[in-house]
């Protein structure tokens, strides 16, 4: 799942898919790819701070990118989407998977 344009249609489709595939509240795994820059990685971590998230990071083989996986319990599909939107708005160059 990648959202290259941040479109409203993408989020509507995601919300429908989430509502159909899980009982809420539910654990959710976010995956982001970001250029390996401490500031960008810290911004992503900050967005999920104090939520009980388990965050794992893995630097790519060439060191250019870092994968940030965030596992936490979310209340409902709207909260999942709100976090995606917050990351997209605040972290330049991020790719949401």
PDB file of N, CA and C in Angstrom:
ATOM      1  N   UNK A   1       0.843  -1.159   0.000  1.00  0.00           N
ATOM      2  CA  UNK A   1       0.000   0.000   0.000  1.00  0.00           C
ATOM      3  C   UNK A   1       0.895   1.231   0.000  1.00  0.00           C
ATOM      4  N   UNK A   2       0.813   1.984  -1.041  1.00  0.00           N
ATOM      5  CA  UNK A   2       1.597   3.209  -1.131  1.00  0.00           C
ATOM      6  C   UNK A   2       0.668   4.326  -1.525  1.00  0.00           C
ATOM      7  N   UNK A   3       0.885   5.489  -0.970  1.00  0.00           N
ATOM      8  CA  UNK A   3       0.018   6.619  -1.247  1.00  0.00           C
ATOM      9  C   UNK A   3       0.828   7.751  -1.863  1.00  0.00           C
ATOM     10  N   UNK A   4       1.089   7.674  -3.159  1.00  0.00           N
ATOM     11  CA  UNK A   4       1.945   8.675  -3.772  1.00  0.00           C
ATOM     12  C   UNK A   4       1.351  10.066  -3.833  1.00  0.00           C
ATOM     13  N   UNK A   5       0.042  10.177  -3.893  1.00  0.00           N
ATOM     14  CA  UNK A   5      -0.547  11.503  -4.069  1.00  0.00           C
ATOM     15  C   UNK A   5      -1.326  12.014  -2.863  1.00  0.00           C
ATOM     16  N   UNK A   6      -1.465  11.203  -1.822  1.00  0.00           N
ATOM     17  CA  UNK A   6      -2.185  11.639  -0.630  1.00  0.00           C
ATOM     18  C   UNK A   6      -3.664  11.878  -0.876  1.00  0.00           C
ATOM     19  N   UNK A   7      -4.202  11.238  -1.896  1.00  0.00           N
ATOM     20  CA  UNK A   7      -5.566  11.520  -2.318  1.00  0.00           C
ATOM     21  C   UNK A   7      -6.616  11.057  -1.320  1.00  0.00           C
ATOM     22  N   UNK A   8      -7.711  11.768  -1.343  1.00  0.00           N
ATOM     23  CA  UNK A   8      -8.873  11.447  -0.519  1.00  0.00           C
ATOM     24  C   UNK A   8      -9.384  10.046  -0.863  1.00  0.00           C
ATOM     25  N   UNK A   9      -9.363   9.702  -2.139  1.00  0.00           N
ATOM     26  CA  UNK A   9      -9.843   8.406  -2.608  1.00  0.00           C
ATOM     27  C   UNK A   9      -9.031   7.253  -1.995  1.00  0.00           C
ATOM     28  N   UNK A  10      -7.726   7.435  -1.902  1.00  0.00           N
ATOM     29  CA  UNK A  10      -6.854   6.426  -1.301  1.00  0.00           C
ATOM     30  C   UNK A  10      -7.283   6.156   0.136  1.00  0.00           C
ATOM     31  N   UNK A  11      -7.511   7.219   0.905  1.00  0.00           N
ATOM     32  CA  UNK A  11      -7.867   7.053   2.312  1.00  0.00           C
ATOM     33  C   UNK A  11      -9.263   6.453   2.486  1.00  0.00           C
ATOM     34  N   UNK A  12     -10.188   6.772   1.592  1.00  0.00           N
ATOM     35  CA  UNK A  12     -11.520   6.164   1.652  1.00  0.00           C
ATOM     36  C   UNK A  12     -11.426   4.658   1.435  1.00  0.00           C
ATOM     37  N   UNK A  13     -10.630   4.266   0.450  1.00  0.00           N
ATOM     38  CA  UNK A  13     -10.451   2.844   0.143  1.00  0.00           C
ATOM     39  C   UNK A  13      -9.771   2.123   1.316  1.00  0.00           C
ATOM     40  N   UNK A  14      -8.752   2.755   1.891  1.00  0.00           N
ATOM     41  CA  UNK A  14      -8.055   2.164   3.030  1.00  0.00           C
ATOM     42  C   UNK A  14      -9.002   2.002   4.219  1.00  0.00           C
ATOM     43  N   UNK A  15      -9.805   3.012   4.495  1.00  0.00           N
ATOM     44  CA  UNK A  15     -10.735   2.951   5.621  1.00  0.00           C
ATOM     45  C   UNK A  15     -11.716   1.788   5.448  1.00  0.00           C
ATOM     46  N   UNK A  16     -12.235   1.632   4.255  1.00  0.00           N
ATOM     47  CA  UNK A  16     -13.169   0.541   3.981  1.00  0.00           C
ATOM     48  C   UNK A  16     -12.481  -0.810   4.186  1.00  0.00           C
ATOM     49  N   UNK A  17     -11.261  -0.939   3.667  1.00  0.00           N
ATOM     50  CA  UNK A  17     -10.513  -2.177   3.794  1.00  0.00           C
ATOM     51  C   UNK A  17     -10.233  -2.500   5.270  1.00  0.00           C
ATOM     52  N   UNK A  18      -9.826  -1.505   6.030  1.00  0.00           N
ATOM     53  CA  UNK A  18      -9.537  -1.719   7.450  1.00  0.00           C
ATOM     54  C   UNK A  18     -10.795  -2.122   8.213  1.00  0.00           C
ATOM     55  N   UNK A  19     -11.905  -1.484   7.901  1.00  0.00           N
ATOM     56  CA  UNK A  19     -13.163  -1.772   8.594  1.00  0.00           C
ATOM     57  C   UNK A  19     -13.629  -3.206   8.332  1.00  0.00           C
ATOM     58  N   UNK A  20     -13.312  -3.716   7.145  1.00  0.00           N
ATOM     59  CA  UNK A  20     -13.766  -5.056   6.766  1.00  0.00           C
ATOM     60  C   UNK A  20     -12.836  -6.165   7.253  1.00  0.00           C
ATOM     61  N   UNK A  21     -11.586  -5.837   7.552  1.00  0.00           N
ATOM     62  CA  UNK A  21     -10.617  -6.895   7.833  1.00  0.00           C
ATOM     63  C   UNK A  21     -10.223  -7.036   9.299  1.00  0.00           C
ATOM     64  N   UNK A  22     -10.697  -6.160  10.154  1.00  0.00           N
ATOM     65  CA  UNK A  22     -10.294  -6.263  11.559  1.00  0.00           C
ATOM     66  C   UNK A  22     -11.422  -5.839  12.485  1.00  0.00           C
ATOM     67  N   UNK A  23     -11.376  -6.377  13.696  1.00  0.00           N
ATOM     68  CA  UNK A  23     -12.277  -5.926  14.754  1.00  0.00           C
ATOM     69  C   UNK A  23     -11.529  -4.862  15.546  1.00  0.00           C
ATOM     70  N   UNK A  24     -12.151  -3.751  15.779  1.00  0.00           N
ATOM     71  CA  UNK A  24     -11.474  -2.619  16.433  1.00  0.00           C
ATOM     72  C   UNK A  24     -11.934  -2.480  17.863  1.00  0.00           C
ATOM     73  N   UNK A  25     -11.046  -2.070  18.782  1.00  0.00           N
ATOM     74  CA  UNK A  25      -9.633  -1.729  18.593  1.00  0.00           C
ATOM     75  C   UNK A  25      -8.821  -2.955  18.209  1.00  0.00           C
ATOM     76  N   UNK A  26      -7.710  -2.707  17.496  1.00  0.00           N
ATOM     77  CA  UNK A  26      -6.900  -3.792  16.980  1.00  0.00           C
ATOM     78  C   UNK A  26      -5.438  -3.374  16.859  1.00  0.00           C
ATOM     79  N   UNK A  27      -4.549  -4.358  16.871  1.00  0.00           N
ATOM     80  CA  UNK A  27      -3.130  -4.079  16.626  1.00  0.00           C
ATOM     81  C   UNK A  27      -2.979  -3.719  15.154  1.00  0.00           C
ATOM     82  N   UNK A  28      -2.107  -2.776  14.881  1.00  0.00           N
ATOM     83  CA  UNK A  28      -1.870  -2.355  13.494  1.00  0.00           C
ATOM     84  C   UNK A  28      -0.378  -2.149  13.288  1.00  0.00           C
ATOM     85  N   UNK A  29       0.111  -2.578  12.135  1.00  0.00           N
ATOM     86  CA  UNK A  29       1.521  -2.435  11.809  1.00  0.00           C
ATOM     87  C   UNK A  29       1.690  -1.399  10.708  1.00  0.00           C
ATOM     88  N   UNK A  30       2.332  -0.293  11.054  1.00  0.00           N
ATOM     89  CA  UNK A  30       2.692   0.738  10.073  1.00  0.00           C
ATOM     90  C   UNK A  30       4.081   0.418   9.552  1.00  0.00           C
ATOM     91  N   UNK A  31       4.309   0.680   8.271  1.00  0.00           N
ATOM     92  CA  UNK A  31       5.657   0.545   7.706  1.00  0.00           C
ATOM     93  C   UNK A  31       5.931   1.790   6.872  1.00  0.00           C
ATOM     94  N   UNK A  32       7.066   2.390   7.158  1.00  0.00           N
ATOM     95  CA  UNK A  32       7.488   3.577   6.426  1.00  0.00           C
ATOM     96  C   UNK A  32       8.907   3.379   5.927  1.00  0.00           C
ATOM     97  N   UNK A  33       9.191   3.922   4.759  1.00  0.00           N
ATOM     98  CA  UNK A  33      10.548   3.980   4.235  1.00  0.00           C
ATOM     99  C   UNK A  33      10.891   5.463   4.161  1.00  0.00           C
ATOM    100  N   UNK A  34      12.048   5.807   4.719  1.00  0.00           N
ATOM    101  CA  UNK A  34      12.436   7.214   4.777  1.00  0.00           C
ATOM    102  C   UNK A  34      13.939   7.310   4.500  1.00  0.00           C
ATOM    103  N   UNK A  35      14.371   8.409   3.856  1.00  0.00           N
ATOM    104  CA  UNK A  35      15.819   8.587   3.707  1.00  0.00           C
ATOM    105  C   UNK A  35      16.483   8.533   5.089  1.00  0.00           C
ATOM    106  N   UNK A  36      17.664   7.923   5.155  1.00  0.00           N
ATOM    107  CA  UNK A  36      18.351   7.753   6.432  1.00  0.00           C
ATOM    108  C   UNK A  36      18.891   9.091   6.917  1.00  0.00           C
ATOM    109  N   UNK A  37      18.029   9.815   7.612  1.00  0.00           N
ATOM    110  CA  UNK A  37      18.375  11.092   8.225  1.00  0.00           C
ATOM    111  C   UNK A  37      17.745  11.085   9.609  1.00  0.00           C
ATOM    112  N   UNK A  38      18.566  11.314  10.632  1.00  0.00           N
ATOM    113  CA  UNK A  38      18.089  11.235  12.018  1.00  0.00           C
ATOM    114  C   UNK A  38      16.861  12.112  12.246  1.00  0.00           C
ATOM    115  N   UNK A  39      16.832  13.302  11.680  1.00  0.00           N
ATOM    116  CA  UNK A  39      15.700  14.211  11.887  1.00  0.00           C
ATOM    117  C   UNK A  39      14.392  13.602  11.399  1.00  0.00           C
ATOM    118  N   UNK A  40      14.408  12.970  10.233  1.00  0.00           N
ATOM    119  CA  UNK A  40      13.183  12.380   9.676  1.00  0.00           C
ATOM    120  C   UNK A  40      12.733  11.163  10.481  1.00  0.00           C
ATOM    121  N   UNK A  41      13.687  10.343  10.866  1.00  0.00           N
ATOM    122  CA  UNK A  41      13.352   9.159  11.669  1.00  0.00           C
ATOM    123  C   UNK A  41      12.799   9.594  13.022  1.00  0.00           C
ATOM    124  N   UNK A  42      13.410  10.596  13.624  1.00  0.00           N
ATOM    125  CA  UNK A  42      12.937  11.107  14.921  1.00  0.00           C
ATOM    126  C   UNK A  42      11.533  11.699  14.817  1.00  0.00           C
ATOM    127  N   UNK A  43      11.228  12.352  13.700  1.00  0.00           N
ATOM    128  CA  UNK A  43       9.874  12.904  13.510  1.00  0.00           C
ATOM    129  C   UNK A  43       8.832  11.790  13.490  1.00  0.00           C
ATOM    130  N   UNK A  44       9.148  10.714  12.764  1.00  0.00           N
ATOM    131  CA  UNK A  44       8.208   9.584  12.717  1.00  0.00           C
ATOM    132  C   UNK A  44       8.011   9.001  14.115  1.00  0.00           C
ATOM    133  N   UNK A  45       9.121   8.774  14.817  1.00  0.00           N
ATOM    134  CA  UNK A  45       9.020   8.226  16.173  1.00  0.00           C
ATOM    135  C   UNK A  45       8.225   9.156  17.077  1.00  0.00           C
ATOM    136  N   UNK A  46       8.411  10.458  16.941  1.00  0.00           N
ATOM    137  CA  UNK A  46       7.704  11.440  17.760  1.00  0.00           C
ATOM    138  C   UNK A  46       6.202  11.415  17.548  1.00  0.00           C
ATOM    139  N   UNK A  47       5.773  11.143  16.319  1.00  0.00           N
ATOM    140  CA  UNK A  47       4.345  11.089  16.009  1.00  0.00           C
ATOM    141  C   UNK A  47       3.658   9.942  16.762  1.00  0.00           C
ATOM    142  N   UNK A  48       4.415   8.884  17.037  1.00  0.00           N
ATOM    143  CA  UNK A  48       3.856   7.724  17.735  1.00  0.00           C
ATOM    144  C   UNK A  48       4.296   7.654  19.195  1.00  0.00           C
ATOM    145  N   UNK A  49       4.905   8.723  19.697  1.00  0.00           N
ATOM    146  CA  UNK A  49       5.409   8.767  21.068  1.00  0.00           C
ATOM    147  C   UNK A  49       4.264   8.671  22.068  1.00  0.00           C
ATOM    148  N   UNK A  50       4.503   8.036  23.180  1.00  0.00           N
ATOM    149  CA  UNK A  50       3.536   7.896  24.283  1.00  0.00           C
ATOM    150  C   UNK A  50       2.249   7.179  23.880  1.00  0.00           C
ATOM    151  N   UNK A  51       2.357   6.272  22.918  1.00  0.00           N
ATOM    152  CA  UNK A  51       1.183   5.500  22.495  1.00  0.00           C
ATOM    153  C   UNK A  51       1.372   4.006  22.754  1.00  0.00           C
ATOM    154  N   UNK A  52       2.509   3.639  23.343  1.00  0.00           N
ATOM    155  CA  UNK A  52       2.790   2.234  23.586  1.00  0.00           C
ATOM    156  C   UNK A  52       3.253   1.494  22.341  1.00  0.00           C
ATOM    157  N   UNK A  53       3.789   2.217  21.387  1.00  0.00           N
ATOM    158  CA  UNK A  53       4.221   1.616  20.128  1.00  0.00           C
ATOM    159  C   UNK A  53       5.532   0.857  20.282  1.00  0.00           C
ATOM    160  N   UNK A  54       5.639  -0.234  19.537  1.00  0.00           N
ATOM    161  CA  UNK A  54       6.903  -0.963  19.416  1.00  0.00           C
ATOM    162  C   UNK A  54       7.476  -0.546  18.066  1.00  0.00           C
ATOM    163  N   UNK A  55       8.648   0.091  18.090  1.00  0.00           N
ATOM    164  CA  UNK A  55       9.240   0.643  16.880  1.00  0.00           C
ATOM    165  C   UNK A  55      10.531  -0.103  16.553  1.00  0.00           C
ATOM    166  N   UNK A  56      10.611  -0.575  15.318  1.00  0.00           N
ATOM    167  CA  UNK A  56      11.815  -1.243  14.824  1.00  0.00           C
ATOM    168  C   UNK A  56      12.329  -0.495  13.602  1.00  0.00           C
ATOM    169  N   UNK A  57      13.650  -0.353  13.527  1.00  0.00           N
ATOM    170  CA  UNK A  57      14.263   0.337  12.396  1.00  0.00           C
ATOM    171  C   UNK A  57      15.295  -0.571  11.756  1.00  0.00           C
ATOM    172  N   UNK A  58      15.375  -0.499  10.438  1.00  0.00           N
ATOM    173  CA  UNK A  58      16.369  -1.283   9.707  1.00  0.00           C
ATOM    174  C   UNK A  58      16.902  -0.427   8.568  1.00  0.00           C
ATOM    175  N   UNK A  59      18.218  -0.245   8.557  1.00  0.00           N
ATOM    176  CA  UNK A  59      18.858   0.547   7.512  1.00  0.00           C
ATOM    177  C   UNK A  59      19.078  -0.343   6.292  1.00  0.00           C
ATOM    178  N   UNK A  60      18.846   0.209   5.096  1.00  0.00           N
ATOM    179  CA  UNK A  60      19.035  -0.544   3.860  1.00  0.00           C
ATOM    180  C   UNK A  60      20.496  -0.923   3.674  1.00  0.00           C
ATOM    181  N   UNK A  61      20.734  -1.857   2.778  1.00  0.00           N
ATOM    182  CA  UNK A  61      22.079  -2.366   2.533  1.00  0.00           C
ATOM    183  C   UNK A  61      23.060  -1.244   2.177  1.00  0.00           C
ATOM    184  N   UNK A  62      22.617  -0.291   1.343  1.00  0.00           N
ATOM    185  CA  UNK A  62      23.506   0.803   0.943  1.00  0.00           C
ATOM    186  C   UNK A  62      23.465   1.996   1.905  1.00  0.00           C
ATOM    187  N   UNK A  63      22.589   1.931   2.919  1.00  0.00           N
ATOM    188  CA  UNK A  63      22.533   2.975   3.939  1.00  0.00           C
ATOM    189  C   UNK A  63      21.752   4.213   3.563  1.00  0.00           C
ATOM    190  N   UNK A  64      21.165   4.239   2.376  1.00  0.00           N
ATOM    191  CA  UNK A  64      20.430   5.434   1.917  1.00  0.00           C
ATOM    192  C   UNK A  64      19.066   5.580   2.589  1.00  0.00           C
ATOM    193  N   UNK A  65      18.435   4.443   2.879  1.00  0.00           N
ATOM    194  CA  UNK A  65      17.073   4.468   3.413  1.00  0.00           C
ATOM    195  C   UNK A  65      16.975   3.656   4.695  1.00  0.00           C
ATOM    196  N   UNK A  66      15.977   4.016   5.487  1.00  0.00           N
ATOM    197  CA  UNK A  66      15.682   3.276   6.707  1.00  0.00           C
ATOM    198  C   UNK A  66      14.216   2.872   6.687  1.00  0.00           C
ATOM    199  N   UNK A  67      13.959   1.618   7.019  1.00  0.00           N
ATOM    200  CA  UNK A  67      12.603   1.117   7.168  1.00  0.00           C
ATOM    201  C   UNK A  67      12.226   1.289   8.636  1.00  0.00           C
ATOM    202  N   UNK A  68      11.080   1.911   8.872  1.00  0.00           N
ATOM    203  CA  UNK A  68      10.593   2.105  10.235  1.00  0.00           C
ATOM    204  C   UNK A  68       9.263   1.361  10.351  1.00  0.00           C
ATOM    205  N   UNK A  69       9.246   0.328  11.195  1.00  0.00           N
ATOM    206  CA  UNK A  69       8.029  -0.446  11.439  1.00  0.00           C
ATOM    207  C   UNK A  69       7.512  -0.090  12.819  1.00  0.00           C
ATOM    208  N   UNK A  70       6.215   0.182  12.884  1.00  0.00           N
ATOM    209  CA  UNK A  70       5.604   0.619  14.140  1.00  0.00           C
ATOM    210  C   UNK A  70       4.376  -0.238  14.395  1.00  0.00           C
ATOM    211  N   UNK A  71       4.400  -0.962  15.497  1.00  0.00           N
ATOM    212  CA  UNK A  71       3.296  -1.839  15.846  1.00  0.00           C
ATOM    213  C   UNK A  71       2.627  -1.293  17.101  1.00  0.00           C
ATOM    214  N   UNK A  72       1.329  -1.047  17.010  1.00  0.00           N
ATOM    215  CA  UNK A  72       0.608  -0.577  18.183  1.00  0.00           C
ATOM    216  C   UNK A  72      -0.887  -0.840  18.048  1.00  0.00           C
ATOM    217  N   UNK A  73      -1.563  -0.682  19.133  1.00  0.00           N
ATOM    218  CA  UNK A  73      -3.012  -0.888  19.175  1.00  0.00           C
ATOM    219  C   UNK A  73      -3.699   0.426  18.815  1.00  0.00           C
ATOM    220  N   UNK A  74      -4.579   0.351  17.822  1.00  0.00           N
ATOM    221  CA  UNK A  74      -5.305   1.544  17.371  1.00  0.00           C
ATOM    222  C   UNK A  74      -6.793   1.371  17.656  1.00  0.00           C
ATOM    223  N   UNK A  75      -7.478   2.504  17.891  1.00  0.00           N
ATOM    224  CA  UNK A  75      -8.899   2.465  18.256  1.00  0.00           C
ATOM    225  C   UNK A  75      -9.799   2.058  17.093  1.00  0.00           C
ATOM    226  N   UNK A  76      -9.536   2.634  15.905  1.00  0.00           N
ATOM    227  CA  UNK A  76     -10.394   2.375  14.751  1.00  0.00           C
ATOM    228  C   UNK A  76      -9.695   2.823  13.463  1.00  0.00           C
ATOM    229  N   UNK A  77     -10.282   2.518  12.295  1.00  0.00           N
ATOM    230  CA  UNK A  77      -9.657   2.905  11.032  1.00  0.00           C
ATOM    231  C   UNK A  77      -9.387   4.406  10.903  1.00  0.00           C
ATOM    232  N   UNK A  78     -10.235   5.242  11.483  1.00  0.00           N
ATOM    233  CA  UNK A  78     -10.016   6.692  11.406  1.00  0.00           C
ATOM    234  C   UNK A  78      -8.714   7.098  12.085  1.00  0.00           C
ATOM    235  N   UNK A  79      -8.408   6.468  13.217  1.00  0.00           N
ATOM    236  CA  UNK A  79      -7.164   6.778  13.921  1.00  0.00           C
ATOM    237  C   UNK A  79      -5.945   6.286  13.133  1.00  0.00           C
ATOM    238  N   UNK A  80      -6.072   5.127  12.475  1.00  0.00           N
ATOM    239  CA  UNK A  80      -4.988   4.610  11.631  1.00  0.00           C
ATOM    240  C   UNK A  80      -4.689   5.618  10.525  1.00  0.00           C
ATOM    241  N   UNK A  81      -5.715   6.064   9.850  1.00  0.00           N
ATOM    242  CA  UNK A  81      -5.558   6.996   8.725  1.00  0.00           C
ATOM    243  C   UNK A  81      -5.020   8.337   9.199  1.00  0.00           C
ATOM    244  N   UNK A  82      -5.472   8.801  10.351  1.00  0.00           N
ATOM    245  CA  UNK A  82      -4.993  10.089  10.877  1.00  0.00           C
ATOM    246  C   UNK A  82      -3.477  10.064  11.080  1.00  0.00           C
ATOM    247  N   UNK A  83      -2.947   8.936  11.542  1.00  0.00           N
ATOM    248  CA  UNK A  83      -1.495   8.829  11.745  1.00  0.00           C
ATOM    249  C   UNK A  83      -0.756   8.808  10.407  1.00  0.00           C
ATOM    250  N   UNK A  84      -1.303   8.093   9.420  1.00  0.00           N
ATOM    251  CA  UNK A  84      -0.690   8.114   8.088  1.00  0.00           C
ATOM    252  C   UNK A  84      -0.624   9.552   7.559  1.00  0.00           C
ATOM    253  N   UNK A  85      -1.718  10.273   7.712  1.00  0.00           N
ATOM    254  CA  UNK A  85      -1.779  11.649   7.218  1.00  0.00           C
ATOM    255  C   UNK A  85      -0.806  12.552   7.969  1.00  0.00           C
ATOM    256  N   UNK A  86      -0.684  12.354   9.267  1.00  0.00           N
ATOM    257  CA  UNK A  86       0.235  13.154  10.070  1.00  0.00           C
ATOM    258  C   UNK A  86       1.687  12.918   9.641  1.00  0.00           C
ATOM    259  N   UNK A  87       2.037  11.662   9.400  1.00  0.00           N
ATOM    260  CA  UNK A  87       3.401  11.354   8.947  1.00  0.00           C
ATOM    261  C   UNK A  87       3.644  11.964   7.569  1.00  0.00           C
ATOM    262  N   UNK A  88       2.700  11.787   6.654  1.00  0.00           N
ATOM    263  CA  UNK A  88       2.863  12.322   5.295  1.00  0.00           C
ATOM    264  C   UNK A  88       3.020  13.844   5.311  1.00  0.00           C
ATOM    265  N   UNK A  89       2.304  14.497   6.193  1.00  0.00           N
ATOM    266  CA  UNK A  89       2.338  15.956   6.280  1.00  0.00           C
ATOM    267  C   UNK A  89       3.648  16.479   6.897  1.00  0.00           C
ATOM    268  N   UNK A  90       4.210  15.729   7.835  1.00  0.00           N
ATOM    269  CA  UNK A  90       5.343  16.220   8.609  1.00  0.00           C
ATOM    270  C   UNK A  90       6.721  15.676   8.230  1.00  0.00           C
ATOM    271  N   UNK A  91       6.755  14.607   7.431  1.00  0.00           N
ATOM    272  CA  UNK A  91       8.032  13.989   7.100  1.00  0.00           C
ATOM    273  C   UNK A  91       8.203  13.973   5.583  1.00  0.00           C
ATOM    274  N   UNK A  92       9.051  14.839   5.089  1.00  0.00           N
ATOM    275  CA  UNK A  92       9.282  14.936   3.653  1.00  0.00           C
ATOM    276  C   UNK A  92      10.011  13.694   3.144  1.00  0.00           C
ATOM    277  N   UNK A  93       9.558  13.173   2.008  1.00  0.00           N
ATOM    278  CA  UNK A  93      10.228  12.046   1.376  1.00  0.00           C
ATOM    279  C   UNK A  93       9.846  10.685   1.920  1.00  0.00           C
ATOM    280  N   UNK A  94       8.873  10.624   2.812  1.00  0.00           N
ATOM    281  CA  UNK A  94       8.472   9.338   3.397  1.00  0.00           C
ATOM    282  C   UNK A  94       7.601   8.568   2.423  1.00  0.00           C
ATOM    283  N   UNK A  95       7.759   7.246   2.441  1.00  0.00           N
ATOM    284  CA  UNK A  95       6.907   6.351   1.656  1.00  0.00           C
ATOM    285  C   UNK A  95       6.178   5.467   2.662  1.00  0.00           C
ATOM    286  N   UNK A  96       4.862   5.441   2.569  1.00  0.00           N
ATOM    287  CA  UNK A  96       4.039   4.610   3.448  1.00  0.00           C
ATOM    288  C   UNK A  96       3.739   3.293   2.738  1.00  0.00           C
ATOM    289  N   UNK A  97       3.950   2.204   3.442  1.00  0.00           N
ATOM    290  CA  UNK A  97       3.663   0.879   2.857  1.00  0.00           C
ATOM    291  C   UNK A  97       2.505   0.240   3.581  1.00  0.00           C
TER     292      UNK A  97
END
